[in-house]
Amino acid sequence: MANFALFVRFTLRDGAGEAFDALMQETTAGIRAHEPGTLVYACQTVEGAPNERVFFELYADHAAFEEHERQPHTRHFLAERAKYVEKTEVHRLQPYAGKYPTGVQE
């Protein structure tokens, strides 16, 4: 099966960065501990844009993404993020070339 990937950009409400980042630390701990099918879950700040956060998510396949969405830590994040997020942009990606972590195939 093909990998499944997302690129997500969050625009945060003014002053919400610290609380959003704490929520993400909690969420990513759950992802690392309970989601073997989540191959990459990279959360980044944007230089020069303190209210922007971008995520790159790479899953083994669509079923791994669906499992991620069912996890209690993910459901908690989805329920809480509205307090901190002004705008969300989600892009579903189709891999066609690149360098991937060991064991991940295109």
PDB file of N, CA and C in Angstrom:
ATOM      1  N   MET A   1       0.830  -1.191   0.000  1.00  0.00           N
ATOM      2  CA  MET A   1       0.000   0.000   0.000  1.00  0.00           C
ATOM      3  C   MET A   1       0.873   1.253   0.000  1.00  0.00           C
ATOM      4  N   ALA A   2       0.339   2.313  -0.533  1.00  0.00           N
ATOM      5  CA  ALA A   2       1.064   3.575  -0.617  1.00  0.00           C
ATOM      6  C   ALA A   2       1.027   4.312   0.717  1.00  0.00           C
ATOM      7  N   ASN A   3       2.077   5.084   0.949  1.00  0.00           N
ATOM      8  CA  ASN A   3       2.101   5.950   2.119  1.00  0.00           C
ATOM      9  C   ASN A   3       0.990   6.988   1.999  1.00  0.00           C
ATOM     10  N   PHE A   4       0.642   7.562   3.129  1.00  0.00           N
ATOM     11  CA  PHE A   4      -0.355   8.622   3.181  1.00  0.00           C
ATOM     12  C   PHE A   4       0.285   9.777   3.923  1.00  0.00           C
ATOM     13  N   ALA A   5       0.235  10.978   3.358  1.00  0.00           N
ATOM     14  CA  ALA A   5       0.904  12.124   3.976  1.00  0.00           C
ATOM     15  C   ALA A   5       0.000  13.344   3.986  1.00  0.00           C
ATOM     16  N   LEU A   6       0.250  14.201   4.980  1.00  0.00           N
ATOM     17  CA  LEU A   6      -0.454  15.474   5.112  1.00  0.00           C
ATOM     18  C   LEU A   6       0.551  16.583   5.366  1.00  0.00           C
ATOM     19  N   PHE A   7       0.222  17.768   4.869  1.00  0.00           N
ATOM     20  CA  PHE A   7       0.899  18.999   5.244  1.00  0.00           C
ATOM     21  C   PHE A   7      -0.188  19.877   5.844  1.00  0.00           C
ATOM     22  N   VAL A   8       0.021  20.332   7.082  1.00  0.00           N
ATOM     23  CA  VAL A   8      -0.998  21.118   7.777  1.00  0.00           C
ATOM     24  C   VAL A   8      -0.362  22.419   8.256  1.00  0.00           C
ATOM     25  N   ARG A   9      -1.059  23.516   8.020  1.00  0.00           N
ATOM     26  CA  ARG A   9      -0.623  24.824   8.536  1.00  0.00           C
ATOM     27  C   ARG A   9      -1.697  25.344   9.479  1.00  0.00           C
ATOM     28  N   PHE A  10      -1.263  25.664  10.697  1.00  0.00           N
ATOM     29  CA  PHE A  10      -2.140  26.277  11.685  1.00  0.00           C
ATOM     30  C   PHE A  10      -1.734  27.728  11.859  1.00  0.00           C
ATOM     31  N   THR A  11      -2.704  28.626  11.805  1.00  0.00           N
ATOM     32  CA  THR A  11      -2.495  30.015  12.193  1.00  0.00           C
ATOM     33  C   THR A  11      -3.120  30.157  13.571  1.00  0.00           C
ATOM     34  N   LEU A  12      -2.290  30.504  14.541  1.00  0.00           N
ATOM     35  CA  LEU A  12      -2.742  30.566  15.931  1.00  0.00           C
ATOM     36  C   LEU A  12      -3.284  31.944  16.279  1.00  0.00           C
ATOM     37  N   ARG A  13      -4.153  31.956  17.275  1.00  0.00           N
ATOM     38  CA  ARG A  13      -4.644  33.215  17.823  1.00  0.00           C
ATOM     39  C   ARG A  13      -3.478  33.922  18.518  1.00  0.00           C
ATOM     40  N   ASP A  14      -3.506  35.239  18.551  1.00  0.00           N
ATOM     41  CA  ASP A  14      -2.447  35.987  19.235  1.00  0.00           C
ATOM     42  C   ASP A  14      -2.319  35.513  20.672  1.00  0.00           C
ATOM     43  N   GLY A  15      -1.103  35.250  21.081  1.00  0.00           N
ATOM     44  CA  GLY A  15      -0.823  34.842  22.450  1.00  0.00           C
ATOM     45  C   GLY A  15      -1.060  33.370  22.744  1.00  0.00           C
ATOM     46  N   ALA A  16      -1.454  32.579  21.754  1.00  0.00           N
ATOM     47  CA  ALA A  16      -1.798  31.167  21.992  1.00  0.00           C
ATOM     48  C   ALA A  16      -0.641  30.203  21.761  1.00  0.00           C
ATOM     49  N   GLY A  17       0.496  30.695  21.309  1.00  0.00           N
ATOM     50  CA  GLY A  17       1.601  29.818  20.938  1.00  0.00           C
ATOM     51  C   GLY A  17       2.062  28.882  22.034  1.00  0.00           C
ATOM     52  N   GLU A  18       2.295  29.413  23.219  1.00  0.00           N
ATOM     53  CA  GLU A  18       2.815  28.592  24.316  1.00  0.00           C
ATOM     54  C   GLU A  18       1.835  27.482  24.698  1.00  0.00           C
ATOM     55  N   ALA A  19       0.561  27.795  24.804  1.00  0.00           N
ATOM     56  CA  ALA A  19      -0.443  26.795  25.175  1.00  0.00           C
ATOM     57  C   ALA A  19      -0.622  25.755  24.062  1.00  0.00           C
ATOM     58  N   PHE A  20      -0.619  26.206  22.799  1.00  0.00           N
ATOM     59  CA  PHE A  20      -0.729  25.269  21.683  1.00  0.00           C
ATOM     60  C   PHE A  20       0.471  24.331  21.660  1.00  0.00           C
ATOM     61  N   ASP A  21       1.658  24.883  21.852  1.00  0.00           N
ATOM     62  CA  ASP A  21       2.874  24.060  21.842  1.00  0.00           C
ATOM     63  C   ASP A  21       2.861  23.039  22.981  1.00  0.00           C
ATOM     64  N   ALA A  22       2.342  23.417  24.138  1.00  0.00           N
ATOM     65  CA  ALA A  22       2.229  22.461  25.252  1.00  0.00           C
ATOM     66  C   ALA A  22       1.255  21.339  24.895  1.00  0.00           C
ATOM     67  N   LEU A  23       0.138  21.690  24.267  1.00  0.00           N
ATOM     68  CA  LEU A  23      -0.817  20.680  23.817  1.00  0.00           C
ATOM     69  C   LEU A  23      -0.149  19.737  22.819  1.00  0.00           C
ATOM     70  N   MET A  24       0.665  20.275  21.915  1.00  0.00           N
ATOM     71  CA  MET A  24       1.351  19.435  20.932  1.00  0.00           C
ATOM     72  C   MET A  24       2.385  18.520  21.594  1.00  0.00           C
ATOM     73  N   GLN A  25       3.077  18.993  22.612  1.00  0.00           N
ATOM     74  CA  GLN A  25       4.031  18.136  23.322  1.00  0.00           C
ATOM     75  C   GLN A  25       3.314  16.933  23.917  1.00  0.00           C
ATOM     76  N   GLU A  26       2.161  17.176  24.510  1.00  0.00           N
ATOM     77  CA  GLU A  26       1.347  16.099  25.088  1.00  0.00           C
ATOM     78  C   GLU A  26       0.870  15.138  23.993  1.00  0.00           C
ATOM     79  N   THR A  27       0.416  15.694  22.888  1.00  0.00           N
ATOM     80  CA  THR A  27      -0.106  14.878  21.792  1.00  0.00           C
ATOM     81  C   THR A  27       0.989  14.042  21.153  1.00  0.00           C
ATOM     82  N   THR A  28       2.136  14.649  20.882  1.00  0.00           N
ATOM     83  CA  THR A  28       3.207  13.907  20.225  1.00  0.00           C
ATOM     84  C   THR A  28       3.782  12.818  21.123  1.00  0.00           C
ATOM     85  N   ALA A  29       3.713  12.982  22.431  1.00  0.00           N
ATOM     86  CA  ALA A  29       4.139  11.899  23.332  1.00  0.00           C
ATOM     87  C   ALA A  29       3.250  10.674  23.107  1.00  0.00           C
ATOM     88  N   GLY A  30       1.950  10.882  22.972  1.00  0.00           N
ATOM     89  CA  GLY A  30       1.037   9.776  22.689  1.00  0.00           C
ATOM     90  C   GLY A  30       1.292   9.156  21.331  1.00  0.00           C
ATOM     91  N   ILE A  31       1.603   9.975  20.350  1.00  0.00           N
ATOM     92  CA  ILE A  31       1.888   9.465  19.006  1.00  0.00           C
ATOM     93  C   ILE A  31       3.131   8.584  19.034  1.00  0.00           C
ATOM     94  N   ARG A  32       4.198   9.056  19.672  1.00  0.00           N
ATOM     95  CA  ARG A  32       5.436   8.257  19.750  1.00  0.00           C
ATOM     96  C   ARG A  32       5.200   6.940  20.474  1.00  0.00           C
ATOM     97  N   ALA A  33       4.395   6.948  21.508  1.00  0.00           N
ATOM     98  CA  ALA A  33       4.199   5.752  22.336  1.00  0.00           C
ATOM     99  C   ALA A  33       3.226   4.743  21.738  1.00  0.00           C
ATOM    100  N   HIS A  34       2.252   5.191  20.947  1.00  0.00           N
ATOM    101  CA  HIS A  34       1.148   4.300  20.574  1.00  0.00           C
ATOM    102  C   HIS A  34       0.866   4.172  19.084  1.00  0.00           C
ATOM    103  N   GLU A  35       1.688   4.777  18.229  1.00  0.00           N
ATOM    104  CA  GLU A  35       1.343   4.779  16.806  1.00  0.00           C
ATOM    105  C   GLU A  35       2.504   4.304  15.925  1.00  0.00           C
ATOM    106  N   PRO A  36       2.719   3.020  15.829  1.00  0.00           N
ATOM    107  CA  PRO A  36       3.807   2.534  14.971  1.00  0.00           C
ATOM    108  C   PRO A  36       3.588   2.842  13.493  1.00  0.00           C
ATOM    109  N   GLY A  37       2.351   3.022  13.070  1.00  0.00           N
ATOM    110  CA  GLY A  37       2.059   3.334  11.674  1.00  0.00           C
ATOM    111  C   GLY A  37       2.239   4.800  11.319  1.00  0.00           C
ATOM    112  N   THR A  38       2.455   5.649  12.328  1.00  0.00           N
ATOM    113  CA  THR A  38       2.772   7.047  12.079  1.00  0.00           C
ATOM    114  C   THR A  38       4.287   7.122  11.964  1.00  0.00           C
ATOM    115  N   LEU A  39       4.774   7.279  10.746  1.00  0.00           N
ATOM    116  CA  LEU A  39       6.202   7.212  10.470  1.00  0.00           C
ATOM    117  C   LEU A  39       6.920   8.513  10.764  1.00  0.00           C
ATOM    118  N   VAL A  40       6.279   9.628  10.445  1.00  0.00           N
ATOM    119  CA  VAL A  40       6.827  10.962  10.715  1.00  0.00           C
ATOM    120  C   VAL A  40       5.671  11.845  11.162  1.00  0.00           C
ATOM    121  N   TYR A  41       5.878  12.573  12.248  1.00  0.00           N
ATOM    122  CA  TYR A  41       4.913  13.565  12.708  1.00  0.00           C
ATOM    123  C   TYR A  41       5.743  14.755  13.169  1.00  0.00           C
ATOM    124  N   ALA A  42       6.071  15.625  12.242  1.00  0.00           N
ATOM    125  CA  ALA A  42       7.003  16.720  12.489  1.00  0.00           C
ATOM    126  C   ALA A  42       6.248  18.029  12.645  1.00  0.00           C
ATOM    127  N   CYS A  43       6.398  18.659  13.798  1.00  0.00           N
ATOM    128  CA  CYS A  43       5.764  19.937  14.114  1.00  0.00           C
ATOM    129  C   CYS A  43       6.852  21.008  14.075  1.00  0.00           C
ATOM    130  N   GLN A  44       6.609  22.072  13.324  1.00  0.00           N
ATOM    131  CA  GLN A  44       7.621  23.097  13.128  1.00  0.00           C
ATOM    132  C   GLN A  44       7.053  24.487  13.377  1.00  0.00           C
ATOM    133  N   THR A  45       7.884  25.371  13.915  1.00  0.00           N
ATOM    134  CA  THR A  45       7.541  26.782  13.940  1.00  0.00           C
ATOM    135  C   THR A  45       8.014  27.381  12.619  1.00  0.00           C
ATOM    136  N   VAL A  46       7.544  28.580  12.310  1.00  0.00           N
ATOM    137  CA  VAL A  46       7.895  29.241  11.057  1.00  0.00           C
ATOM    138  C   VAL A  46       8.691  30.491  11.389  1.00  0.00           C
ATOM    139  N   GLU A  47       9.905  30.560  10.883  1.00  0.00           N
ATOM    140  CA  GLU A  47      10.760  31.705  11.143  1.00  0.00           C
ATOM    141  C   GLU A  47      10.084  32.995  10.677  1.00  0.00           C
ATOM    142  N   GLY A  48      10.021  33.969  11.564  1.00  0.00           N
ATOM    143  CA  GLY A  48       9.424  35.260  11.222  1.00  0.00           C
ATOM    144  C   GLY A  48       7.909  35.299  11.306  1.00  0.00           C
ATOM    145  N   ALA A  49       7.278  34.178  11.670  1.00  0.00           N
ATOM    146  CA  ALA A  49       5.816  34.124  11.761  1.00  0.00           C
ATOM    147  C   ALA A  49       5.445  33.411  13.066  1.00  0.00           C
ATOM    148  N   PRO A  50       5.473  34.130  14.198  1.00  0.00           N
ATOM    149  CA  PRO A  50       5.300  33.484  15.497  1.00  0.00           C
ATOM    150  C   PRO A  50       3.948  32.810  15.721  1.00  0.00           C
ATOM    151  N   ASN A  51       2.936  33.156  14.932  1.00  0.00           N
ATOM    152  CA  ASN A  51       1.620  32.536  15.090  1.00  0.00           C
ATOM    153  C   ASN A  51       1.379  31.404  14.097  1.00  0.00           C
ATOM    154  N   GLU A  52       2.409  30.976  13.380  1.00  0.00           N
ATOM    155  CA  GLU A  52       2.266  29.900  12.407  1.00  0.00           C
ATOM    156  C   GLU A  52       2.946  28.626  12.920  1.00  0.00           C
ATOM    157  N   ARG A  53       2.295  27.495  12.669  1.00  0.00           N
ATOM    158  CA  ARG A  53       2.870  26.177  12.936  1.00  0.00           C
ATOM    159  C   ARG A  53       2.575  25.319  11.711  1.00  0.00           C
ATOM    160  N   VAL A  54       3.568  24.569  11.259  1.00  0.00           N
ATOM    161  CA  VAL A  54       3.352  23.652  10.141  1.00  0.00           C
ATOM    162  C   VAL A  54       3.710  22.236  10.588  1.00  0.00           C
ATOM    163  N   PHE A  55       2.937  21.298  10.090  1.00  0.00           N
ATOM    164  CA  PHE A  55       3.144  19.885  10.407  1.00  0.00           C
ATOM    165  C   PHE A  55       3.332  19.128   9.106  1.00  0.00           C
ATOM    166  N   PHE A  56       4.231  18.161   9.136  1.00  0.00           N
ATOM    167  CA  PHE A  56       4.330  17.175   8.073  1.00  0.00           C
ATOM    168  C   PHE A  56       4.053  15.836   8.729  1.00  0.00           C
ATOM    169  N   GLU A  57       3.073  15.134   8.204  1.00  0.00           N
ATOM    170  CA  GLU A  57       2.670  13.842   8.767  1.00  0.00           C
ATOM    171  C   GLU A  57       2.800  12.787   7.680  1.00  0.00           C
ATOM    172  N   LEU A  58       3.502  11.701   7.991  1.00  0.00           N
ATOM    173  CA  LEU A  58       3.661  10.597   7.047  1.00  0.00           C
ATOM    174  C   LEU A  58       3.233   9.312   7.744  1.00  0.00           C
ATOM    175  N   TYR A  59       2.268   8.645   7.149  1.00  0.00           N
ATOM    176  CA  TYR A  59       1.710   7.409   7.693  1.00  0.00           C
ATOM    177  C   TYR A  59       2.053   6.248   6.773  1.00  0.00           C
ATOM    178  N   ALA A  60       2.151   5.054   7.326  1.00  0.00           N
ATOM    179  CA  ALA A  60       2.462   3.869   6.532  1.00  0.00           C
ATOM    180  C   ALA A  60       1.443   3.676   5.417  1.00  0.00           C
ATOM    181  N   ASP A  61       0.191   4.005   5.707  1.00  0.00           N
ATOM    182  CA  ASP A  61      -0.892   3.889   4.735  1.00  0.00           C
ATOM    183  C   ASP A  61      -2.110   4.619   5.290  1.00  0.00           C
ATOM    184  N   HIS A  62      -3.199   4.632   4.539  1.00  0.00           N
ATOM    185  CA  HIS A  62      -4.393   5.354   4.983  1.00  0.00           C
ATOM    186  C   HIS A  62      -4.971   4.737   6.261  1.00  0.00           C
ATOM    187  N   ALA A  63      -4.863   3.426   6.416  1.00  0.00           N
ATOM    188  CA  ALA A  63      -5.360   2.766   7.635  1.00  0.00           C
ATOM    189  C   ALA A  63      -4.605   3.262   8.865  1.00  0.00           C
ATOM    190  N   ALA A  64      -3.309   3.517   8.736  1.00  0.00           N
ATOM    191  CA  ALA A  64      -2.522   4.052   9.864  1.00  0.00           C
ATOM    192  C   ALA A  64      -2.993   5.460  10.216  1.00  0.00           C
ATOM    193  N   PHE A  65      -3.331   6.255   9.205  1.00  0.00           N
ATOM    194  CA  PHE A  65      -3.885   7.585   9.464  1.00  0.00           C
ATOM    195  C   PHE A  65      -5.217   7.480  10.204  1.00  0.00           C
ATOM    196  N   GLU A  66      -6.073   6.584   9.750  1.00  0.00           N
ATOM    197  CA  GLU A  66      -7.360   6.400  10.417  1.00  0.00           C
ATOM    198  C   GLU A  66      -7.165   5.952  11.864  1.00  0.00           C
ATOM    199  N   GLU A  67      -6.183   5.095  12.114  1.00  0.00           N
ATOM    200  CA  GLU A  67      -5.879   4.670  13.487  1.00  0.00           C
ATOM    201  C   GLU A  67      -5.395   5.869  14.314  1.00  0.00           C
ATOM    202  N   HIS A  68      -4.570   6.714  13.729  1.00  0.00           N
ATOM    203  CA  HIS A  68      -4.111   7.943  14.391  1.00  0.00           C
ATOM    204  C   HIS A  68      -5.312   8.799  14.812  1.00  0.00           C
ATOM    205  N   GLU A  69      -6.279   8.954  13.921  1.00  0.00           N
ATOM    206  CA  GLU A  69      -7.448   9.779  14.198  1.00  0.00           C
ATOM    207  C   GLU A  69      -8.311   9.212  15.326  1.00  0.00           C
ATOM    208  N   ARG A  70      -8.251   7.905  15.562  1.00  0.00           N
ATOM    209  CA  ARG A  70      -9.055   7.262  16.621  1.00  0.00           C
ATOM    210  C   ARG A  70      -8.394   7.307  18.001  1.00  0.00           C
ATOM    211  N   GLN A  71      -7.126   7.636  18.071  1.00  0.00           N
ATOM    212  CA  GLN A  71      -6.393   7.596  19.337  1.00  0.00           C
ATOM    213  C   GLN A  71      -6.902   8.654  20.324  1.00  0.00           C
ATOM    214  N   PRO A  72      -6.946   8.325  21.611  1.00  0.00           N
ATOM    215  CA  PRO A  72      -7.418   9.306  22.611  1.00  0.00           C
ATOM    216  C   PRO A  72      -6.611  10.606  22.608  1.00  0.00           C
ATOM    217  N   HIS A  73      -5.289  10.526  22.441  1.00  0.00           N
ATOM    218  CA  HIS A  73      -4.480  11.751  22.435  1.00  0.00           C
ATOM    219  C   HIS A  73      -4.797  12.619  21.217  1.00  0.00           C
ATOM    220  N   THR A  74      -5.091  12.014  20.080  1.00  0.00           N
ATOM    221  CA  THR A  74      -5.453  12.783  18.887  1.00  0.00           C
ATOM    222  C   THR A  74      -6.841  13.401  19.054  1.00  0.00           C
ATOM    223  N   ARG A  75      -7.774  12.637  19.569  1.00  0.00           N
ATOM    224  CA  ARG A  75      -9.127  13.150  19.782  1.00  0.00           C
ATOM    225  C   ARG A  75      -9.109  14.322  20.775  1.00  0.00           C
ATOM    226  N   HIS A  76      -8.262  14.214  21.807  1.00  0.00           N
ATOM    227  CA  HIS A  76      -8.114  15.311  22.772  1.00  0.00           C
ATOM    228  C   HIS A  76      -7.568  16.553  22.062  1.00  0.00           C
ATOM    229  N   PHE A  77      -6.528  16.382  21.232  1.00  0.00           N
ATOM    230  CA  PHE A  77      -5.973  17.505  20.492  1.00  0.00           C
ATOM    231  C   PHE A  77      -7.044  18.155  19.609  1.00  0.00           C
ATOM    232  N   LEU A  78      -7.778  17.347  18.869  1.00  0.00           N
ATOM    233  CA  LEU A  78      -8.799  17.885  17.965  1.00  0.00           C
ATOM    234  C   LEU A  78      -9.877  18.658  18.718  1.00  0.00           C
ATOM    235  N   ALA A  79     -10.215  18.193  19.923  1.00  0.00           N
ATOM    236  CA  ALA A  79     -11.226  18.878  20.724  1.00  0.00           C
ATOM    237  C   ALA A  79     -10.708  20.194  21.315  1.00  0.00           C
ATOM    238  N   GLU A  80      -9.426  20.227  21.646  1.00  0.00           N
ATOM    239  CA  GLU A  80      -8.848  21.391  22.322  1.00  0.00           C
ATOM    240  C   GLU A  80      -8.298  22.458  21.383  1.00  0.00           C
ATOM    241  N   ARG A  81      -7.946  22.101  20.177  1.00  0.00           N
ATOM    242  CA  ARG A  81      -7.216  23.035  19.315  1.00  0.00           C
ATOM    243  C   ARG A  81      -7.994  24.306  18.982  1.00  0.00           C
ATOM    244  N   ALA A  82      -9.315  24.243  18.972  1.00  0.00           N
ATOM    245  CA  ALA A  82     -10.112  25.432  18.631  1.00  0.00           C
ATOM    246  C   ALA A  82      -9.840  26.601  19.573  1.00  0.00           C
ATOM    247  N   LYS A  83      -9.410  26.311  20.784  1.00  0.00           N
ATOM    248  CA  LYS A  83      -9.085  27.380  21.738  1.00  0.00           C
ATOM    249  C   LYS A  83      -7.903  28.216  21.257  1.00  0.00           C
ATOM    250  N   TYR A  84      -7.028  27.608  20.456  1.00  0.00           N
ATOM    251  CA  TYR A  84      -5.760  28.228  20.097  1.00  0.00           C
ATOM    252  C   TYR A  84      -5.624  28.577  18.619  1.00  0.00           C
ATOM    253  N   VAL A  85      -6.424  27.950  17.774  1.00  0.00           N
ATOM    254  CA  VAL A  85      -6.230  28.042  16.325  1.00  0.00           C
ATOM    255  C   VAL A  85      -7.267  28.958  15.690  1.00  0.00           C
ATOM    256  N   GLU A  86      -6.783  29.881  14.884  1.00  0.00           N
ATOM    257  CA  GLU A  86      -7.645  30.792  14.136  1.00  0.00           C
ATOM    258  C   GLU A  86      -7.986  30.225  12.757  1.00  0.00           C
ATOM    259  N   LYS A  87      -7.016  29.533  12.140  1.00  0.00           N
ATOM    260  CA  LYS A  87      -7.207  29.012  10.787  1.00  0.00           C
ATOM    261  C   LYS A  87      -6.402  27.725  10.621  1.00  0.00           C
ATOM    262  N   THR A  88      -6.983  26.749   9.910  1.00  0.00           N
ATOM    263  CA  THR A  88      -6.309  25.480   9.619  1.00  0.00           C
ATOM    264  C   THR A  88      -6.367  25.228   8.121  1.00  0.00           C
ATOM    265  N   GLU A  89      -5.213  24.894   7.547  1.00  0.00           N
ATOM    266  CA  GLU A  89      -5.133  24.482   6.142  1.00  0.00           C
ATOM    267  C   GLU A  89      -4.559  23.067   6.104  1.00  0.00           C
ATOM    268  N   VAL A  90      -5.254  22.147   5.442  1.00  0.00           N
ATOM    269  CA  VAL A  90      -4.806  20.761   5.348  1.00  0.00           C
ATOM    270  C   VAL A  90      -4.645  20.396   3.882  1.00  0.00           C
ATOM    271  N   HIS A  91      -3.493  19.828   3.557  1.00  0.00           N
ATOM    272  CA  HIS A  91      -3.222  19.364   2.203  1.00  0.00           C
ATOM    273  C   HIS A  91      -2.855  17.889   2.265  1.00  0.00           C
ATOM    274  N   ARG A  92      -3.582  17.061   1.520  1.00  0.00           N
ATOM    275  CA  ARG A  92      -3.257  15.639   1.391  1.00  0.00           C
ATOM    276  C   ARG A  92      -2.234  15.514   0.272  1.00  0.00           C
ATOM    277  N   LEU A  93      -1.170  14.794   0.538  1.00  0.00           N
ATOM    278  CA  LEU A  93      -0.042  14.720  -0.380  1.00  0.00           C
ATOM    279  C   LEU A  93       0.070  13.341  -1.016  1.00  0.00           C
ATOM    280  N   GLN A  94       0.539  13.314  -2.240  1.00  0.00           N
ATOM    281  CA  GLN A  94       0.783  12.075  -2.967  1.00  0.00           C
ATOM    282  C   GLN A  94       2.284  11.975  -3.224  1.00  0.00           C
ATOM    283  N   PRO A  95       2.972  11.004  -2.615  1.00  0.00           N
ATOM    284  CA  PRO A  95       4.416  10.896  -2.834  1.00  0.00           C
ATOM    285  C   PRO A  95       4.730  10.458  -4.263  1.00  0.00           C
ATOM    286  N   TYR A  96       5.781  11.042  -4.831  1.00  0.00           N
ATOM    287  CA  TYR A  96       6.220  10.610  -6.152  1.00  0.00           C
ATOM    288  C   TYR A  96       7.737  10.476  -6.242  1.00  0.00           C
ATOM    289  N   ALA A  97       8.473  11.092  -5.321  1.00  0.00           N
ATOM    290  CA  ALA A  97       9.927  10.964  -5.289  1.00  0.00           C
ATOM    291  C   ALA A  97      10.415  11.489  -3.953  1.00  0.00           C
ATOM    292  N   GLY A  98      11.622  11.127  -3.582  1.00  0.00           N
ATOM    293  CA  GLY A  98      12.194  11.715  -2.376  1.00  0.00           C
ATOM    294  C   GLY A  98      13.068  10.756  -1.613  1.00  0.00           C
ATOM    295  N   LYS A  99      13.457  11.186  -0.443  1.00  0.00           N
ATOM    296  CA  LYS A  99      14.237  10.391   0.495  1.00  0.00           C
ATOM    297  C   LYS A  99      13.374  10.175   1.722  1.00  0.00           C
ATOM    298  N   TYR A 100      13.236   8.928   2.130  1.00  0.00           N
ATOM    299  CA  TYR A 100      12.359   8.577   3.229  1.00  0.00           C
ATOM    300  C   TYR A 100      13.134   7.894   4.338  1.00  0.00           C
ATOM    301  N   PRO A 101      12.579   7.878   5.562  1.00  0.00           N
ATOM    302  CA  PRO A 101      13.243   7.146   6.646  1.00  0.00           C
ATOM    303  C   PRO A 101      13.432   5.673   6.264  1.00  0.00           C
ATOM    304  N   THR A 102      14.417   5.055   6.855  1.00  0.00           N
ATOM    305  CA  THR A 102      14.692   3.654   6.588  1.00  0.00           C
ATOM    306  C   THR A 102      13.439   2.806   6.748  1.00  0.00           C
ATOM    307  N   GLY A 103      13.171   1.955   5.774  1.00  0.00           N
ATOM    308  CA  GLY A 103      12.008   1.061   5.833  1.00  0.00           C
ATOM    309  C   GLY A 103      10.732   1.615   5.236  1.00  0.00           C
ATOM    310  N   VAL A 104      10.715   2.906   4.902  1.00  0.00           N
ATOM    311  CA  VAL A 104       9.539   3.525   4.307  1.00  0.00           C
ATOM    312  C   VAL A 104       9.726   3.503   2.805  1.00  0.00           C
ATOM    313  N   GLN A 105       8.756   2.946   2.125  1.00  0.00           N
ATOM    314  CA  GLN A 105       8.872   2.864   0.672  1.00  0.00           C
ATOM    315  C   GLN A 105       7.820   3.745   0.026  1.00  0.00           C
ATOM    316  N   GLU A 106       8.140   4.205  -1.160  1.00  0.00           N
ATOM    317  CA  GLU A 106       7.217   5.065  -1.918  1.00  0.00           C
ATOM    318  C   GLU A 106       6.067   4.249  -2.455  1.00  0.00           C
TER     319      GLU A 106
END
